[in-house]
């Protein structure tokens, strides 16, 4: 079973890169547990949202399959990735390593936030 705490340096690095790119709002890692990462985004604090963290969680409930979910602060799934530790294993449908899944999940969260705060072209 994958333990997200083993990837804390990578997670912090990915979030720090998003923080550098976002000139308006601060990004930070609020917590990392075995199966959940909470990512704080300053804009949600500004809006005084009750739930102010995006979530990346790991679901290991199915044998031989682990799913990484990128979730909005309200818990709705934005994207999911089947991941494995080590080499990708297409035989079980896992085309991504946990590292690439984490990169994709953080990117997806940041992309949605960018869309949310960008002025719409009219």
N, C-alpha and C. Protein backbone atom coordinates (compact mmCIF):
# COMPACT_ATOMS: atom_id res chain seq x y z
N UNK A 1 0.84 -1.19 0.00
CA UNK A 1 0.00 0.00 0.00
C UNK A 1 0.89 1.26 0.00
N UNK A 2 0.50 2.21 -0.81
CA UNK A 2 1.23 3.47 -0.91
C UNK A 2 0.97 4.31 0.33
N UNK A 3 2.01 4.96 0.83
CA UNK A 3 1.91 5.88 1.96
C UNK A 3 2.33 7.27 1.46
N UNK A 4 1.39 8.20 1.41
CA UNK A 4 1.68 9.53 0.87
C UNK A 4 2.74 10.28 1.68
N UNK A 5 2.93 9.92 2.93
CA UNK A 5 3.97 10.57 3.74
C UNK A 5 5.36 10.33 3.16
N UNK A 6 5.53 9.21 2.44
CA UNK A 6 6.82 8.92 1.80
C UNK A 6 7.12 9.87 0.65
N UNK A 7 6.13 10.63 0.22
CA UNK A 7 6.28 11.55 -0.90
C UNK A 7 6.11 13.00 -0.48
N UNK A 8 6.31 13.26 0.82
CA UNK A 8 6.09 14.62 1.33
C UNK A 8 7.00 15.65 0.69
N UNK A 9 8.25 15.29 0.41
CA UNK A 9 9.17 16.26 -0.23
C UNK A 9 8.68 16.62 -1.63
N UNK A 10 8.28 15.62 -2.39
CA UNK A 10 7.76 15.87 -3.73
C UNK A 10 6.49 16.73 -3.67
N UNK A 11 5.59 16.40 -2.77
CA UNK A 11 4.34 17.15 -2.64
C UNK A 11 4.63 18.60 -2.28
N UNK A 12 5.49 18.82 -1.31
CA UNK A 12 5.84 20.20 -0.91
C UNK A 12 6.50 20.95 -2.07
N UNK A 13 7.35 20.27 -2.82
CA UNK A 13 8.00 20.90 -3.98
C UNK A 13 6.98 21.30 -5.04
N UNK A 14 6.04 20.42 -5.34
CA UNK A 14 5.01 20.71 -6.34
C UNK A 14 4.14 21.89 -5.94
N UNK A 15 3.75 21.92 -4.67
CA UNK A 15 2.92 23.02 -4.18
C UNK A 15 3.72 24.32 -4.14
N UNK A 16 4.99 24.25 -3.77
CA UNK A 16 5.83 25.45 -3.75
C UNK A 16 5.97 26.04 -5.15
N UNK A 17 6.05 25.19 -6.17
CA UNK A 17 6.12 25.68 -7.55
C UNK A 17 4.83 26.41 -7.93
N UNK A 18 3.70 25.90 -7.50
CA UNK A 18 2.43 26.58 -7.79
C UNK A 18 2.37 27.91 -7.03
N UNK A 19 2.92 27.93 -5.84
CA UNK A 19 2.95 29.17 -5.06
C UNK A 19 3.79 30.23 -5.77
N UNK A 20 4.93 29.81 -6.35
CA UNK A 20 5.78 30.76 -7.09
C UNK A 20 5.07 31.31 -8.32
N UNK A 21 4.28 30.47 -8.99
CA UNK A 21 3.59 30.88 -10.21
C UNK A 21 2.41 31.81 -9.93
N UNK A 22 1.78 31.65 -8.79
CA UNK A 22 0.57 32.43 -8.47
C UNK A 22 0.98 33.72 -7.76
N UNK A 23 0.92 34.82 -8.45
CA UNK A 23 1.36 36.10 -7.89
C UNK A 23 0.33 36.73 -6.95
N UNK A 24 -0.89 36.19 -6.95
CA UNK A 24 -1.96 36.80 -6.15
C UNK A 24 -2.29 36.06 -4.86
N UNK A 25 -2.18 34.74 -4.87
CA UNK A 25 -2.65 33.96 -3.73
C UNK A 25 -1.60 32.96 -3.29
N UNK A 26 -1.52 32.75 -1.99
CA UNK A 26 -0.51 31.85 -1.41
C UNK A 26 -1.00 30.41 -1.42
N UNK A 27 -0.10 29.50 -1.78
CA UNK A 27 -0.34 28.06 -1.75
C UNK A 27 0.53 27.44 -0.67
N UNK A 28 0.00 26.46 0.06
CA UNK A 28 0.82 25.76 1.05
C UNK A 28 0.24 24.38 1.31
N UNK A 29 1.07 23.51 1.83
CA UNK A 29 0.62 22.19 2.24
C UNK A 29 0.20 22.30 3.70
N UNK A 30 -1.06 22.02 3.96
CA UNK A 30 -1.54 22.10 5.34
C UNK A 30 -1.23 20.82 6.11
N UNK A 31 -1.42 19.68 5.45
CA UNK A 31 -1.11 18.42 6.13
C UNK A 31 -0.92 17.30 5.11
N UNK A 32 -0.14 16.30 5.54
CA UNK A 32 0.07 15.09 4.75
C UNK A 32 -0.06 13.91 5.71
N UNK A 33 -1.01 13.04 5.43
CA UNK A 33 -1.16 11.80 6.21
C UNK A 33 -0.91 10.62 5.29
N UNK A 34 -1.10 9.44 5.80
CA UNK A 34 -0.85 8.24 5.01
C UNK A 34 -1.68 8.22 3.73
N UNK A 35 -2.93 8.70 3.79
CA UNK A 35 -3.82 8.62 2.63
C UNK A 35 -4.39 9.95 2.17
N UNK A 36 -3.95 11.07 2.76
CA UNK A 36 -4.56 12.35 2.39
C UNK A 36 -3.56 13.50 2.46
N UNK A 37 -3.66 14.38 1.46
CA UNK A 37 -2.90 15.62 1.42
C UNK A 37 -3.91 16.76 1.40
N UNK A 38 -3.69 17.76 2.23
CA UNK A 38 -4.55 18.95 2.24
C UNK A 38 -3.71 20.14 1.77
N UNK A 39 -4.19 20.79 0.69
CA UNK A 39 -3.48 21.91 0.08
C UNK A 39 -4.31 23.17 0.27
N UNK A 40 -3.69 24.13 0.92
CA UNK A 40 -4.38 25.39 1.22
C UNK A 40 -4.12 26.40 0.11
N UNK A 41 -5.17 27.14 -0.25
CA UNK A 41 -5.08 28.18 -1.27
C UNK A 41 -5.64 29.45 -0.67
N UNK A 42 -4.84 30.51 -0.66
CA UNK A 42 -5.18 31.76 0.00
C UNK A 42 -6.48 32.40 -0.45
N UNK A 43 -6.87 32.20 -1.70
CA UNK A 43 -8.11 32.79 -2.21
C UNK A 43 -9.32 32.29 -1.43
N UNK A 44 -9.29 31.03 -1.01
CA UNK A 44 -10.40 30.49 -0.24
C UNK A 44 -10.49 31.12 1.15
N UNK A 45 -9.34 31.49 1.71
CA UNK A 45 -9.33 32.22 2.98
C UNK A 45 -9.93 33.60 2.77
N UNK A 46 -9.56 34.24 1.67
CA UNK A 46 -10.08 35.57 1.33
C UNK A 46 -11.62 35.54 1.23
N UNK A 47 -12.13 34.47 0.64
CA UNK A 47 -13.59 34.32 0.51
C UNK A 47 -14.24 33.86 1.82
N UNK A 48 -13.42 33.58 2.83
CA UNK A 48 -13.88 33.09 4.13
C UNK A 48 -14.67 31.79 3.99
N UNK A 49 -14.18 30.94 3.11
CA UNK A 49 -14.81 29.63 2.92
C UNK A 49 -14.58 28.76 4.14
N UNK A 50 -15.59 28.02 4.53
CA UNK A 50 -15.47 27.11 5.67
C UNK A 50 -14.44 26.01 5.36
N UNK A 51 -14.56 25.43 4.17
CA UNK A 51 -13.60 24.42 3.72
C UNK A 51 -12.58 25.13 2.83
N UNK A 52 -11.36 25.28 3.31
CA UNK A 52 -10.38 26.09 2.58
C UNK A 52 -9.19 25.30 2.05
N UNK A 53 -9.33 24.00 1.93
CA UNK A 53 -8.23 23.18 1.42
C UNK A 53 -8.71 22.25 0.31
N UNK A 54 -7.90 22.15 -0.74
CA UNK A 54 -8.10 21.12 -1.73
C UNK A 54 -7.52 19.83 -1.16
N UNK A 55 -7.99 18.71 -1.66
CA UNK A 55 -7.60 17.42 -1.09
C UNK A 55 -7.11 16.49 -2.19
N UNK A 56 -6.04 15.81 -1.88
CA UNK A 56 -5.61 14.68 -2.71
C UNK A 56 -5.68 13.48 -1.78
N UNK A 57 -6.52 12.51 -2.14
CA UNK A 57 -6.59 11.34 -1.28
C UNK A 57 -6.35 10.06 -2.05
N UNK A 58 -5.95 9.05 -1.31
CA UNK A 58 -5.57 7.77 -1.87
C UNK A 58 -6.60 6.74 -1.43
N UNK A 59 -7.17 6.04 -2.39
CA UNK A 59 -8.17 5.01 -2.11
C UNK A 59 -7.54 3.66 -2.44
N UNK A 60 -7.36 2.84 -1.41
CA UNK A 60 -6.77 1.51 -1.59
C UNK A 60 -7.78 0.42 -1.28
N UNK A 61 -9.05 0.72 -1.46
CA UNK A 61 -10.10 -0.22 -1.05
C UNK A 61 -10.24 -1.42 -1.98
N UNK A 62 -9.74 -1.33 -3.21
CA UNK A 62 -9.83 -2.45 -4.13
C UNK A 62 -8.48 -3.17 -4.20
N UNK A 63 -8.50 -4.50 -4.21
CA UNK A 63 -7.24 -5.25 -4.28
C UNK A 63 -6.46 -4.91 -5.54
N UNK A 64 -5.17 -4.72 -5.39
CA UNK A 64 -4.24 -4.46 -6.50
C UNK A 64 -4.51 -3.17 -7.25
N UNK A 65 -5.36 -2.30 -6.72
CA UNK A 65 -5.63 -1.02 -7.37
C UNK A 65 -5.60 0.09 -6.34
N UNK A 66 -4.87 1.14 -6.65
CA UNK A 66 -4.86 2.31 -5.79
C UNK A 66 -5.20 3.52 -6.64
N UNK A 67 -6.16 4.29 -6.18
CA UNK A 67 -6.65 5.46 -6.90
C UNK A 67 -6.29 6.72 -6.15
N UNK A 68 -5.77 7.68 -6.88
CA UNK A 68 -5.45 9.00 -6.34
C UNK A 68 -6.55 9.95 -6.83
N UNK A 69 -7.23 10.61 -5.89
CA UNK A 69 -8.31 11.54 -6.24
C UNK A 69 -7.90 12.97 -5.93
N UNK A 70 -8.08 13.86 -6.89
CA UNK A 70 -7.94 15.30 -6.64
C UNK A 70 -9.35 15.80 -6.37
N UNK A 71 -9.55 16.44 -5.20
CA UNK A 71 -10.90 16.86 -4.80
C UNK A 71 -10.96 18.36 -4.52
N UNK A 72 -12.10 18.92 -4.83
CA UNK A 72 -12.37 20.31 -4.46
C UNK A 72 -12.56 20.37 -2.94
N UNK A 73 -12.53 21.57 -2.37
CA UNK A 73 -12.72 21.68 -0.92
C UNK A 73 -14.04 21.09 -0.42
N UNK A 74 -15.06 21.07 -1.27
CA UNK A 74 -16.34 20.49 -0.85
C UNK A 74 -16.36 18.97 -0.98
N UNK A 75 -15.24 18.38 -1.44
CA UNK A 75 -15.13 16.93 -1.53
C UNK A 75 -15.42 16.35 -2.91
N UNK A 76 -15.95 17.17 -3.82
CA UNK A 76 -16.25 16.67 -5.16
C UNK A 76 -14.96 16.31 -5.89
N UNK A 77 -14.98 15.15 -6.56
CA UNK A 77 -13.79 14.70 -7.30
C UNK A 77 -13.63 15.53 -8.56
N UNK A 78 -12.42 16.06 -8.74
CA UNK A 78 -12.08 16.81 -9.94
C UNK A 78 -11.45 15.87 -10.98
N UNK A 79 -10.62 14.97 -10.51
CA UNK A 79 -9.92 14.04 -11.39
C UNK A 79 -9.44 12.86 -10.55
N UNK A 80 -9.24 11.70 -11.20
CA UNK A 80 -8.68 10.56 -10.47
C UNK A 80 -7.68 9.84 -11.37
N UNK A 81 -6.74 9.17 -10.71
CA UNK A 81 -5.63 8.51 -11.40
C UNK A 81 -5.38 7.16 -10.74
N UNK A 82 -5.27 6.10 -11.54
CA UNK A 82 -4.84 4.82 -10.99
C UNK A 82 -3.32 4.87 -10.92
N UNK A 83 -2.76 4.60 -9.76
CA UNK A 83 -1.33 4.75 -9.56
C UNK A 83 -0.72 3.50 -8.92
N UNK A 84 0.59 3.37 -9.10
CA UNK A 84 1.34 2.28 -8.48
C UNK A 84 2.67 2.83 -7.98
N UNK A 85 3.27 2.14 -7.03
CA UNK A 85 4.64 2.46 -6.65
C UNK A 85 5.56 1.70 -7.58
N UNK A 86 6.66 2.32 -7.94
CA UNK A 86 7.59 1.68 -8.87
C UNK A 86 7.19 1.93 -10.31
N UNK A 87 7.39 0.93 -11.14
CA UNK A 87 7.11 1.08 -12.57
C UNK A 87 5.61 0.98 -12.85
N UNK A 88 5.12 1.73 -13.86
CA UNK A 88 3.72 1.59 -14.26
C UNK A 88 3.43 0.14 -14.67
N UNK A 89 2.20 -0.30 -14.44
CA UNK A 89 1.83 -1.66 -14.76
C UNK A 89 0.55 -1.67 -15.58
N UNK A 90 0.66 -1.56 -16.91
CA UNK A 90 -0.53 -1.53 -17.76
C UNK A 90 -1.39 -2.78 -17.66
N UNK A 91 -0.82 -3.90 -17.18
CA UNK A 91 -1.60 -5.14 -17.05
C UNK A 91 -2.74 -4.97 -16.05
N UNK A 92 -2.57 -4.12 -15.05
CA UNK A 92 -3.66 -3.86 -14.11
C UNK A 92 -4.31 -2.51 -14.37
N UNK A 93 -3.93 -1.88 -15.48
CA UNK A 93 -4.53 -0.59 -15.82
C UNK A 93 -3.83 0.60 -15.21
N UNK A 94 -2.79 0.36 -14.44
CA UNK A 94 -2.07 1.46 -13.80
C UNK A 94 -0.99 1.97 -14.73
N UNK A 95 -1.26 3.08 -15.37
CA UNK A 95 -0.32 3.63 -16.34
C UNK A 95 0.56 4.70 -15.73
N UNK A 96 0.36 5.02 -14.46
CA UNK A 96 1.12 6.09 -13.82
C UNK A 96 1.78 5.62 -12.55
N UNK A 97 2.96 6.18 -12.31
CA UNK A 97 3.58 5.99 -11.01
C UNK A 97 2.90 6.95 -10.04
N UNK A 98 3.09 6.73 -8.77
CA UNK A 98 2.52 7.64 -7.77
C UNK A 98 3.09 9.05 -7.96
N UNK A 99 4.36 9.15 -8.32
CA UNK A 99 4.97 10.47 -8.52
C UNK A 99 4.27 11.24 -9.65
N UNK A 100 4.04 10.59 -10.78
CA UNK A 100 3.38 11.30 -11.89
C UNK A 100 1.92 11.57 -11.56
N UNK A 101 1.28 10.69 -10.81
CA UNK A 101 -0.09 10.94 -10.37
C UNK A 101 -0.19 12.16 -9.45
N UNK A 102 0.77 12.30 -8.53
CA UNK A 102 0.79 13.47 -7.66
C UNK A 102 1.02 14.75 -8.46
N UNK A 103 1.95 14.69 -9.43
CA UNK A 103 2.19 15.87 -10.28
C UNK A 103 0.92 16.27 -11.02
N UNK A 104 0.25 15.28 -11.59
CA UNK A 104 -0.98 15.56 -12.33
C UNK A 104 -2.08 16.11 -11.42
N UNK A 105 -2.20 15.56 -10.22
CA UNK A 105 -3.24 16.00 -9.29
C UNK A 105 -3.02 17.45 -8.85
N UNK A 106 -1.78 17.80 -8.50
CA UNK A 106 -1.48 19.18 -8.10
C UNK A 106 -1.69 20.12 -9.28
N UNK A 107 -1.26 19.70 -10.47
CA UNK A 107 -1.47 20.53 -11.67
C UNK A 107 -2.96 20.75 -11.91
N UNK A 108 -3.76 19.71 -11.80
CA UNK A 108 -5.21 19.82 -12.03
C UNK A 108 -5.84 20.81 -11.06
N UNK A 109 -5.47 20.74 -9.80
CA UNK A 109 -6.00 21.66 -8.79
C UNK A 109 -5.61 23.09 -9.15
N UNK A 110 -4.34 23.31 -9.48
CA UNK A 110 -3.87 24.66 -9.81
C UNK A 110 -4.54 25.18 -11.07
N UNK A 111 -4.74 24.33 -12.05
CA UNK A 111 -5.39 24.74 -13.30
C UNK A 111 -6.83 25.18 -13.05
N UNK A 112 -7.56 24.43 -12.27
CA UNK A 112 -8.95 24.79 -11.93
C UNK A 112 -8.97 26.13 -11.20
N UNK A 113 -8.04 26.33 -10.29
CA UNK A 113 -7.97 27.60 -9.55
C UNK A 113 -7.67 28.76 -10.49
N UNK A 114 -6.77 28.54 -11.43
CA UNK A 114 -6.45 29.58 -12.40
C UNK A 114 -7.68 29.95 -13.22
N UNK A 115 -8.42 28.95 -13.65
CA UNK A 115 -9.65 29.21 -14.41
C UNK A 115 -10.66 29.97 -13.56
N UNK A 116 -10.72 29.62 -12.29
CA UNK A 116 -11.69 30.23 -11.38
C UNK A 116 -11.40 31.71 -11.14
N UNK A 117 -10.13 32.07 -11.08
CA UNK A 117 -9.78 33.47 -10.75
C UNK A 117 -9.42 34.32 -11.96
N UNK A 118 -9.31 33.72 -13.13
CA UNK A 118 -8.96 34.49 -14.33
C UNK A 118 -10.20 35.22 -14.85
N UNK A 119 -10.01 36.44 -15.33
CA UNK A 119 -11.15 37.13 -15.94
C UNK A 119 -11.60 36.39 -17.19
N UNK A 120 -12.89 36.32 -17.38
CA UNK A 120 -13.39 35.60 -18.56
C UNK A 120 -13.26 36.46 -19.80
N UNK A 121 -12.84 35.86 -20.89
CA UNK A 121 -12.73 36.63 -22.14
C UNK A 121 -14.12 36.90 -22.70
N UNK A 122 -14.44 38.15 -22.92
CA UNK A 122 -15.78 38.49 -23.45
C UNK A 122 -15.66 39.29 -24.69
